[in-house]
Amino acid sequence: MATTWHLILNAVESQVGTWVMIGPLDQPYALVTIVRNGGEFGYRVTTFEHDDQAPTIIGYNWTLIGATKGAHSWFTATRGPSGRPFAAWGGE
């Protein structure tokens, strides 16, 4: 039986409720954080804060798998000759 890779394996829990998404060159590219709104909770995805850039919100999702998928989709969409397109996911 072959093992399969899943994008949630890119998520490394740095502290309780916070996951850093790590790219293929061991560079962080996104941050997934649990957020609460009243009695509900979900996940906020932002770009990883680097020294010269403040983080940008990528999106929100109800599940950790959905949040990591959104982060990874943003990461792959922003690589290559097309530049950094706007990432719309999760209901649009």
PDB file of N, CA and C in Angstrom:
ATOM      1  N   MET A   1       0.833  -1.177   0.000  1.00  0.00           N
ATOM      2  CA  MET A   1       0.000   0.000   0.000  1.00  0.00           C
ATOM      3  C   MET A   1       0.880   1.243   0.000  1.00  0.00           C
ATOM      4  N   ALA A   2       0.640   2.106  -0.964  1.00  0.00           N
ATOM      5  CA  ALA A   2       1.433   3.324  -1.084  1.00  0.00           C
ATOM      6  C   ALA A   2       0.891   4.389  -0.137  1.00  0.00           C
ATOM      7  N   THR A   3       1.800   5.125   0.471  1.00  0.00           N
ATOM      8  CA  THR A   3       1.359   6.229   1.308  1.00  0.00           C
ATOM      9  C   THR A   3       1.069   7.430   0.421  1.00  0.00           C
ATOM     10  N   THR A   4       0.144   8.249   0.837  1.00  0.00           N
ATOM     11  CA  THR A   4      -0.185   9.431   0.056  1.00  0.00           C
ATOM     12  C   THR A   4       0.083  10.676   0.881  1.00  0.00           C
ATOM     13  N   TRP A   5       0.522  11.700   0.201  1.00  0.00           N
ATOM     14  CA  TRP A   5       0.780  12.980   0.827  1.00  0.00           C
ATOM     15  C   TRP A   5      -0.523  13.755   0.898  1.00  0.00           C
ATOM     16  N   HIS A   6      -0.737  14.487   1.946  1.00  0.00           N
ATOM     17  CA  HIS A   6      -1.895  15.357   2.073  1.00  0.00           C
ATOM     18  C   HIS A   6      -1.393  16.728   2.481  1.00  0.00           C
ATOM     19  N   LEU A   7      -2.008  17.772   1.932  1.00  0.00           N
ATOM     20  CA  LEU A   7      -1.526  19.125   2.196  1.00  0.00           C
ATOM     21  C   LEU A   7      -1.568  19.504   3.667  1.00  0.00           C
ATOM     22  N   ILE A   8      -2.379  18.829   4.473  1.00  0.00           N
ATOM     23  CA  ILE A   8      -2.385  19.140   5.908  1.00  0.00           C
ATOM     24  C   ILE A   8      -1.045  18.764   6.550  1.00  0.00           C
ATOM     25  N   LEU A   9      -0.269  17.926   5.872  1.00  0.00           N
ATOM     26  CA  LEU A   9       1.055  17.581   6.385  1.00  0.00           C
ATOM     27  C   LEU A   9       2.014  18.768   6.319  1.00  0.00           C
ATOM     28  N   ASN A  10       1.669  19.810   5.554  1.00  0.00           N
ATOM     29  CA  ASN A  10       2.470  21.032   5.527  1.00  0.00           C
ATOM     30  C   ASN A  10       2.248  21.874   6.781  1.00  0.00           C
ATOM     31  N   ALA A  11       1.192  21.576   7.541  1.00  0.00           N
ATOM     32  CA  ALA A  11       0.834  22.377   8.716  1.00  0.00           C
ATOM     33  C   ALA A  11       1.565  21.860   9.948  1.00  0.00           C
ATOM     34  N   VAL A  12       2.360  22.725  10.543  1.00  0.00           N
ATOM     35  CA  VAL A  12       3.109  22.386  11.754  1.00  0.00           C
ATOM     36  C   VAL A  12       2.528  23.223  12.889  1.00  0.00           C
ATOM     37  N   GLU A  13       2.016  22.563  13.925  1.00  0.00           N
ATOM     38  CA  GLU A  13       1.421  23.302  15.040  1.00  0.00           C
ATOM     39  C   GLU A  13       2.537  23.965  15.845  1.00  0.00           C
ATOM     40  N   SER A  14       2.556  25.300  15.804  1.00  0.00           N
ATOM     41  CA  SER A  14       3.616  26.037  16.489  1.00  0.00           C
ATOM     42  C   SER A  14       3.237  26.332  17.938  1.00  0.00           C
ATOM     43  N   GLN A  15       1.956  26.504  18.191  1.00  0.00           N
ATOM     44  CA  GLN A  15       1.406  26.635  19.535  1.00  0.00           C
ATOM     45  C   GLN A  15      -0.034  26.162  19.443  1.00  0.00           C
ATOM     46  N   VAL A  16      -0.683  25.999  20.556  1.00  0.00           N
ATOM     47  CA  VAL A  16      -2.043  25.464  20.548  1.00  0.00           C
ATOM     48  C   VAL A  16      -2.953  26.370  19.709  1.00  0.00           C
ATOM     49  N   GLY A  17      -3.603  25.784  18.699  1.00  0.00           N
ATOM     50  CA  GLY A  17      -4.539  26.524  17.858  1.00  0.00           C
ATOM     51  C   GLY A  17      -3.921  27.330  16.744  1.00  0.00           C
ATOM     52  N   THR A  18      -2.623  27.168  16.516  1.00  0.00           N
ATOM     53  CA  THR A  18      -1.926  27.903  15.463  1.00  0.00           C
ATOM     54  C   THR A  18      -1.029  26.953  14.687  1.00  0.00           C
ATOM     55  N   TRP A  19      -1.187  26.949  13.353  1.00  0.00           N
ATOM     56  CA  TRP A  19      -0.396  26.081  12.482  1.00  0.00           C
ATOM     57  C   TRP A  19       0.346  26.941  11.478  1.00  0.00           C
ATOM     58  N   VAL A  20       1.624  26.646  11.280  1.00  0.00           N
ATOM     59  CA  VAL A  20       2.442  27.313  10.273  1.00  0.00           C
ATOM     60  C   VAL A  20       2.533  26.373   9.077  1.00  0.00           C
ATOM     61  N   MET A  21       2.182  26.882   7.897  1.00  0.00           N
ATOM     62  CA  MET A  21       2.282  26.094   6.670  1.00  0.00           C
ATOM     63  C   MET A  21       3.706  26.237   6.137  1.00  0.00           C
ATOM     64  N   ILE A  22       4.363  25.102   5.926  1.00  0.00           N
ATOM     65  CA  ILE A  22       5.758  25.069   5.498  1.00  0.00           C
ATOM     66  C   ILE A  22       5.835  24.584   4.059  1.00  0.00           C
ATOM     67  N   GLY A  23       6.557  25.333   3.213  1.00  0.00           N
ATOM     68  CA  GLY A  23       6.708  24.997   1.802  1.00  0.00           C
ATOM     69  C   GLY A  23       7.805  23.974   1.556  1.00  0.00           C
ATOM     70  N   PRO A  24       7.988  23.601   0.290  1.00  0.00           N
ATOM     71  CA  PRO A  24       8.965  22.571  -0.053  1.00  0.00           C
ATOM     72  C   PRO A  24      10.416  22.950   0.242  1.00  0.00           C
ATOM     73  N   LEU A  25      10.708  24.232   0.368  1.00  0.00           N
ATOM     74  CA  LEU A  25      12.068  24.665   0.698  1.00  0.00           C
ATOM     75  C   LEU A  25      12.200  24.992   2.181  1.00  0.00           C
ATOM     76  N   ASP A  26      11.294  24.430   3.009  1.00  0.00           N
ATOM     77  CA  ASP A  26      11.274  24.643   4.460  1.00  0.00           C
ATOM     78  C   ASP A  26      11.087  26.103   4.846  1.00  0.00           C
ATOM     79  N   GLN A  27      10.397  26.867   4.011  1.00  0.00           N
ATOM     80  CA  GLN A  27      10.084  28.258   4.300  1.00  0.00           C
ATOM     81  C   GLN A  27       8.605  28.369   4.668  1.00  0.00           C
ATOM     82  N   PRO A  28       8.254  29.068   5.737  1.00  0.00           N
ATOM     83  CA  PRO A  28       6.839  29.246   6.091  1.00  0.00           C
ATOM     84  C   PRO A  28       6.159  30.148   5.067  1.00  0.00           C
ATOM     85  N   TYR A  29       4.922  29.796   4.689  1.00  0.00           N
ATOM     86  CA  TYR A  29       4.210  30.626   3.720  1.00  0.00           C
ATOM     87  C   TYR A  29       2.833  31.074   4.184  1.00  0.00           C
ATOM     88  N   ALA A  30       2.255  30.443   5.186  1.00  0.00           N
ATOM     89  CA  ALA A  30       0.942  30.855   5.679  1.00  0.00           C
ATOM     90  C   ALA A  30       0.794  30.462   7.136  1.00  0.00           C
ATOM     91  N   LEU A  31      -0.162  31.109   7.787  1.00  0.00           N
ATOM     92  CA  LEU A  31      -0.450  30.848   9.181  1.00  0.00           C
ATOM     93  C   LEU A  31      -1.944  30.573   9.300  1.00  0.00           C
ATOM     94  N   VAL A  32      -2.306  29.457   9.931  1.00  0.00           N
ATOM     95  CA  VAL A  32      -3.701  29.082  10.157  1.00  0.00           C
ATOM     96  C   VAL A  32      -3.953  29.187  11.657  1.00  0.00           C
ATOM     97  N   THR A  33      -4.980  29.952  12.035  1.00  0.00           N
ATOM     98  CA  THR A  33      -5.268  30.208  13.435  1.00  0.00           C
ATOM     99  C   THR A  33      -6.737  29.962  13.727  1.00  0.00           C
ATOM    100  N   ILE A  34      -7.034  29.323  14.862  1.00  0.00           N
ATOM    101  CA  ILE A  34      -8.424  29.165  15.295  1.00  0.00           C
ATOM    102  C   ILE A  34      -8.938  30.534  15.730  1.00  0.00           C
ATOM    103  N   VAL A  35     -10.141  30.884  15.251  1.00  0.00           N
ATOM    104  CA  VAL A  35     -10.785  32.132  15.677  1.00  0.00           C
ATOM    105  C   VAL A  35     -12.187  31.810  16.177  1.00  0.00           C
ATOM    106  N   ARG A  36     -12.654  32.586  17.126  1.00  0.00           N
ATOM    107  CA  ARG A  36     -13.996  32.387  17.690  1.00  0.00           C
ATOM    108  C   ARG A  36     -14.849  33.620  17.421  1.00  0.00           C
ATOM    109  N   ASN A  37     -16.129  33.367  17.165  1.00  0.00           N
ATOM    110  CA  ASN A  37     -17.110  34.422  16.989  1.00  0.00           C
ATOM    111  C   ASN A  37     -18.346  33.998  17.774  1.00  0.00           C
ATOM    112  N   GLY A  38     -18.468  34.502  18.978  1.00  0.00           N
ATOM    113  CA  GLY A  38     -19.540  34.049  19.856  1.00  0.00           C
ATOM    114  C   GLY A  38     -19.304  32.598  20.234  1.00  0.00           C
ATOM    115  N   GLY A  39     -20.304  31.743  19.984  1.00  0.00           N
ATOM    116  CA  GLY A  39     -20.181  30.329  20.295  1.00  0.00           C
ATOM    117  C   GLY A  39     -19.641  29.489  19.151  1.00  0.00           C
ATOM    118  N   GLU A  40     -19.350  30.108  18.011  1.00  0.00           N
ATOM    119  CA  GLU A  40     -18.842  29.376  16.855  1.00  0.00           C
ATOM    120  C   GLU A  40     -17.340  29.576  16.730  1.00  0.00           C
ATOM    121  N   PHE A  41     -16.700  28.646  16.053  1.00  0.00           N
ATOM    122  CA  PHE A  41     -15.286  28.827  15.780  1.00  0.00           C
ATOM    123  C   PHE A  41     -14.978  28.367  14.362  1.00  0.00           C
ATOM    124  N   GLY A  42     -13.883  28.883  13.837  1.00  0.00           N
ATOM    125  CA  GLY A  42     -13.428  28.523  12.501  1.00  0.00           C
ATOM    126  C   GLY A  42     -11.941  28.791  12.425  1.00  0.00           C
ATOM    127  N   TYR A  43     -11.422  28.910  11.222  1.00  0.00           N
ATOM    128  CA  TYR A  43      -9.985  29.074  11.014  1.00  0.00           C
ATOM    129  C   TYR A  43      -9.723  30.255  10.090  1.00  0.00           C
ATOM    130  N   ARG A  44      -8.801  31.116  10.482  1.00  0.00           N
ATOM    131  CA  ARG A  44      -8.365  32.244   9.660  1.00  0.00           C
ATOM    132  C   ARG A  44      -7.015  31.884   9.054  1.00  0.00           C
ATOM    133  N   VAL A  45      -6.860  32.186   7.776  1.00  0.00           N
ATOM    134  CA  VAL A  45      -5.609  31.922   7.079  1.00  0.00           C
ATOM    135  C   VAL A  45      -5.005  33.251   6.649  1.00  0.00           C
ATOM    136  N   THR A  46      -3.765  33.476   7.044  1.00  0.00           N
ATOM    137  CA  THR A  46      -3.049  34.685   6.636  1.00  0.00           C
ATOM    138  C   THR A  46      -1.715  34.298   6.026  1.00  0.00           C
ATOM    139  N   THR A  47      -1.137  35.225   5.281  1.00  0.00           N
ATOM    140  CA  THR A  47       0.218  35.002   4.798  1.00  0.00           C
ATOM    141  C   THR A  47       1.141  35.033   6.009  1.00  0.00           C
ATOM    142  N   PHE A  48       2.276  34.384   5.895  1.00  0.00           N
ATOM    143  CA  PHE A  48       3.224  34.364   7.000  1.00  0.00           C
ATOM    144  C   PHE A  48       3.928  35.707   7.066  1.00  0.00           C
ATOM    145  N   GLU A  49       4.054  36.256   8.261  1.00  0.00           N
ATOM    146  CA  GLU A  49       4.685  37.563   8.437  1.00  0.00           C
ATOM    147  C   GLU A  49       6.197  37.439   8.277  1.00  0.00           C
ATOM    148  N   HIS A  50       6.709  38.188   7.318  1.00  0.00           N
ATOM    149  CA  HIS A  50       8.159  38.265   7.122  1.00  0.00           C
ATOM    150  C   HIS A  50       8.627  39.633   7.589  1.00  0.00           C
ATOM    151  N   ASP A  51       9.926  39.824   7.688  1.00  0.00           N
ATOM    152  CA  ASP A  51      10.475  41.067   8.215  1.00  0.00           C
ATOM    153  C   ASP A  51       9.990  42.299   7.453  1.00  0.00           C
ATOM    154  N   ASP A  52       9.853  42.188   6.133  1.00  0.00           N
ATOM    155  CA  ASP A  52       9.516  43.352   5.321  1.00  0.00           C
ATOM    156  C   ASP A  52       8.034  43.432   4.941  1.00  0.00           C
ATOM    157  N   GLN A  53       7.208  42.480   5.377  1.00  0.00           N
ATOM    158  CA  GLN A  53       5.807  42.452   4.994  1.00  0.00           C
ATOM    159  C   GLN A  53       4.911  42.133   6.178  1.00  0.00           C
ATOM    160  N   ALA A  54       3.813  42.868   6.286  1.00  0.00           N
ATOM    161  CA  ALA A  54       2.792  42.531   7.281  1.00  0.00           C
ATOM    162  C   ALA A  54       1.939  41.401   6.704  1.00  0.00           C
ATOM    163  N   PRO A  55       1.345  40.561   7.546  1.00  0.00           N
ATOM    164  CA  PRO A  55       0.521  39.477   7.028  1.00  0.00           C
ATOM    165  C   PRO A  55      -0.749  40.006   6.355  1.00  0.00           C
ATOM    166  N   THR A  56      -1.226  39.263   5.358  1.00  0.00           N
ATOM    167  CA  THR A  56      -2.449  39.579   4.633  1.00  0.00           C
ATOM    168  C   THR A  56      -3.423  38.433   4.827  1.00  0.00           C
ATOM    169  N   ILE A  57      -4.694  38.747   5.031  1.00  0.00           N
ATOM    170  CA  ILE A  57      -5.693  37.681   5.182  1.00  0.00           C
ATOM    171  C   ILE A  57      -5.911  37.009   3.835  1.00  0.00           C
ATOM    172  N   ILE A  58      -5.787  35.692   3.820  1.00  0.00           N
ATOM    173  CA  ILE A  58      -6.053  34.889   2.632  1.00  0.00           C
ATOM    174  C   ILE A  58      -7.518  34.467   2.630  1.00  0.00           C
ATOM    175  N   GLY A  59      -8.043  34.064   3.785  1.00  0.00           N
ATOM    176  CA  GLY A  59      -9.441  33.672   3.854  1.00  0.00           C
ATOM    177  C   GLY A  59      -9.785  33.013   5.181  1.00  0.00           C
ATOM    178  N   TYR A  60     -11.032  32.519   5.263  1.00  0.00           N
ATOM    179  CA  TYR A  60     -11.557  31.842   6.450  1.00  0.00           C
ATOM    180  C   TYR A  60     -12.184  30.527   6.023  1.00  0.00           C
ATOM    181  N   ASN A  61     -12.221  29.566   6.946  1.00  0.00           N
ATOM    182  CA  ASN A  61     -12.876  28.300   6.665  1.00  0.00           C
ATOM    183  C   ASN A  61     -13.369  27.694   7.967  1.00  0.00           C
ATOM    184  N   TRP A  62     -14.376  26.813   7.870  1.00  0.00           N
ATOM    185  CA  TRP A  62     -14.941  26.158   9.052  1.00  0.00           C
ATOM    186  C   TRP A  62     -14.111  24.970   9.521  1.00  0.00           C
ATOM    187  N   THR A  63     -13.269  24.398   8.629  1.00  0.00           N
ATOM    188  CA  THR A  63     -12.491  23.205   8.995  1.00  0.00           C
ATOM    189  C   THR A  63     -11.002  23.452   8.806  1.00  0.00           C
ATOM    190  N   LEU A  64     -10.196  22.717   9.546  1.00  0.00           N
ATOM    191  CA  LEU A  64      -8.744  22.811   9.402  1.00  0.00           C
ATOM    192  C   LEU A  64      -8.317  22.322   8.024  1.00  0.00           C
ATOM    193  N   ILE A  65      -8.939  21.266   7.542  1.00  0.00           N
ATOM    194  CA  ILE A  65      -8.592  20.765   6.204  1.00  0.00           C
ATOM    195  C   ILE A  65      -8.907  21.813   5.144  1.00  0.00           C
ATOM    196  N   GLY A  66     -10.070  22.449   5.245  1.00  0.00           N
ATOM    197  CA  GLY A  66     -10.424  23.499   4.294  1.00  0.00           C
ATOM    198  C   GLY A  66      -9.484  24.690   4.367  1.00  0.00           C
ATOM    199  N   ALA A  67      -9.074  25.046   5.583  1.00  0.00           N
ATOM    200  CA  ALA A  67      -8.153  26.173   5.764  1.00  0.00           C
ATOM    201  C   ALA A  67      -6.785  25.863   5.174  1.00  0.00           C
ATOM    202  N   THR A  68      -6.279  24.653   5.401  1.00  0.00           N
ATOM    203  CA  THR A  68      -4.975  24.303   4.828  1.00  0.00           C
ATOM    204  C   THR A  68      -5.060  24.203   3.308  1.00  0.00           C
ATOM    205  N   LYS A  69      -6.203  23.755   2.807  1.00  0.00           N
ATOM    206  CA  LYS A  69      -6.392  23.704   1.347  1.00  0.00           C
ATOM    207  C   LYS A  69      -6.372  25.110   0.765  1.00  0.00           C
ATOM    208  N   GLY A  70      -7.044  26.053   1.426  1.00  0.00           N
ATOM    209  CA  GLY A  70      -7.031  27.434   0.961  1.00  0.00           C
ATOM    210  C   GLY A  70      -5.639  28.033   0.989  1.00  0.00           C
ATOM    211  N   ALA A  71      -4.899  27.763   2.056  1.00  0.00           N
ATOM    212  CA  ALA A  71      -3.526  28.271   2.163  1.00  0.00           C
ATOM    213  C   ALA A  71      -2.651  27.690   1.063  1.00  0.00           C
ATOM    214  N   HIS A  72      -2.783  26.394   0.835  1.00  0.00           N
ATOM    215  CA  HIS A  72      -1.958  25.749  -0.188  1.00  0.00           C
ATOM    216  C   HIS A  72      -2.353  26.205  -1.592  1.00  0.00           C
ATOM    217  N   SER A  73      -3.648  26.396  -1.819  1.00  0.00           N
ATOM    218  CA  SER A  73      -4.110  26.898  -3.125  1.00  0.00           C
ATOM    219  C   SER A  73      -3.539  28.285  -3.384  1.00  0.00           C
ATOM    220  N   TRP A  74      -3.570  29.135  -2.348  1.00  0.00           N
ATOM    221  CA  TRP A  74      -2.978  30.466  -2.487  1.00  0.00           C
ATOM    222  C   TRP A  74      -1.488  30.351  -2.799  1.00  0.00           C
ATOM    223  N   PHE A  75      -0.789  29.489  -2.080  1.00  0.00           N
ATOM    224  CA  PHE A  75       0.655  29.332  -2.265  1.00  0.00           C
ATOM    225  C   PHE A  75       0.984  28.912  -3.692  1.00  0.00           C
ATOM    226  N   THR A  76       0.285  27.906  -4.207  1.00  0.00           N
ATOM    227  CA  THR A  76       0.590  27.435  -5.567  1.00  0.00           C
ATOM    228  C   THR A  76       0.159  28.443  -6.629  1.00  0.00           C
ATOM    229  N   ALA A  77      -0.925  29.178  -6.366  1.00  0.00           N
ATOM    230  CA  ALA A  77      -1.392  30.169  -7.343  1.00  0.00           C
ATOM    231  C   ALA A  77      -0.466  31.374  -7.432  1.00  0.00           C
ATOM    232  N   THR A  78       0.296  31.625  -6.384  1.00  0.00           N
ATOM    233  CA  THR A  78       1.172  32.800  -6.384  1.00  0.00           C
ATOM    234  C   THR A  78       2.590  32.470  -6.827  1.00  0.00           C
ATOM    235  N   ARG A  79       2.807  31.292  -7.311  1.00  0.00           N
ATOM    236  CA  ARG A  79       4.130  30.907  -7.798  1.00  0.00           C
ATOM    237  C   ARG A  79       4.092  30.841  -9.311  1.00  0.00           C
ATOM    238  N   GLY A  80       5.200  31.204  -9.936  1.00  0.00           N
ATOM    239  CA  GLY A  80       5.272  31.110 -11.392  1.00  0.00           C
ATOM    240  C   GLY A  80       5.263  32.472 -12.060  1.00  0.00           C
ATOM    241  N   PRO A  81       5.211  32.485 -13.379  1.00  0.00           N
ATOM    242  CA  PRO A  81       5.352  33.731 -14.135  1.00  0.00           C
ATOM    243  C   PRO A  81       4.157  34.671 -14.037  1.00  0.00           C
ATOM    244  N   SER A  82       3.012  34.192 -13.542  1.00  0.00           N
ATOM    245  CA  SER A  82       1.820  35.043 -13.521  1.00  0.00           C
ATOM    246  C   SER A  82       1.820  36.045 -12.368  1.00  0.00           C
ATOM    247  N   GLY A  83       2.763  35.966 -11.477  1.00  0.00           N
ATOM    248  CA  GLY A  83       2.819  36.911 -10.369  1.00  0.00           C
ATOM    249  C   GLY A  83       2.004  36.459  -9.184  1.00  0.00           C
ATOM    250  N   ARG A  84       1.348  37.378  -8.518  1.00  0.00           N
ATOM    251  CA  ARG A  84       0.593  37.084  -7.304  1.00  0.00           C
ATOM    252  C   ARG A  84      -0.879  37.435  -7.505  1.00  0.00           C
ATOM    253  N   PRO A  85      -1.655  36.536  -8.106  1.00  0.00           N
ATOM    254  CA  PRO A  85      -3.076  36.832  -8.322  1.00  0.00           C
ATOM    255  C   PRO A  85      -3.871  36.801  -7.026  1.00  0.00           C
ATOM    256  N   PHE A  86      -5.020  37.449  -7.057  1.00  0.00           N
ATOM    257  CA  PHE A  86      -5.933  37.433  -5.924  1.00  0.00           C
ATOM    258  C   PHE A  86      -6.462  36.006  -5.714  1.00  0.00           C
ATOM    259  N   ALA A  87      -6.428  35.532  -4.483  1.00  0.00           N
ATOM    260  CA  ALA A  87      -6.904  34.173  -4.190  1.00  0.00           C
ATOM    261  C   ALA A  87      -8.317  34.250  -3.627  1.00  0.00           C
ATOM    262  N   ALA A  88      -9.288  33.763  -4.360  1.00  0.00           N
ATOM    263  CA  ALA A  88     -10.673  33.722  -3.883  1.00  0.00           C
ATOM    264  C   ALA A  88     -11.070  32.275  -3.704  1.00  0.00           C
ATOM    265  N   TRP A  89     -11.463  31.913  -2.499  1.00  0.00           N
ATOM    266  CA  TRP A  89     -11.877  30.535  -2.241  1.00  0.00           C
ATOM    267  C   TRP A  89     -12.855  30.527  -1.094  1.00  0.00           C
ATOM    268  N   GLY A  90     -13.571  29.442  -0.966  1.00  0.00           N
ATOM    269  CA  GLY A  90     -14.485  29.274   0.149  1.00  0.00           C
ATOM    270  C   GLY A  90     -15.797  30.007  -0.015  1.00  0.00           C
ATOM    271  N   GLY A  91     -16.506  29.771  -1.126  1.00  0.00           N
ATOM    272  CA  GLY A  91     -17.841  30.315  -1.274  1.00  0.00           C
ATOM    273  C   GLY A  91     -18.004  31.276  -2.439  1.00  0.00           C
ATOM    274  N   GLU A  92     -16.925  31.631  -3.086  1.00  0.00           N
ATOM    275  CA  GLU A  92     -17.048  32.523  -4.238  1.00  0.00           C
ATOM    276  C   GLU A  92     -16.850  31.775  -5.513  1.00  0.00           C
TER     277      GLU A  92
END
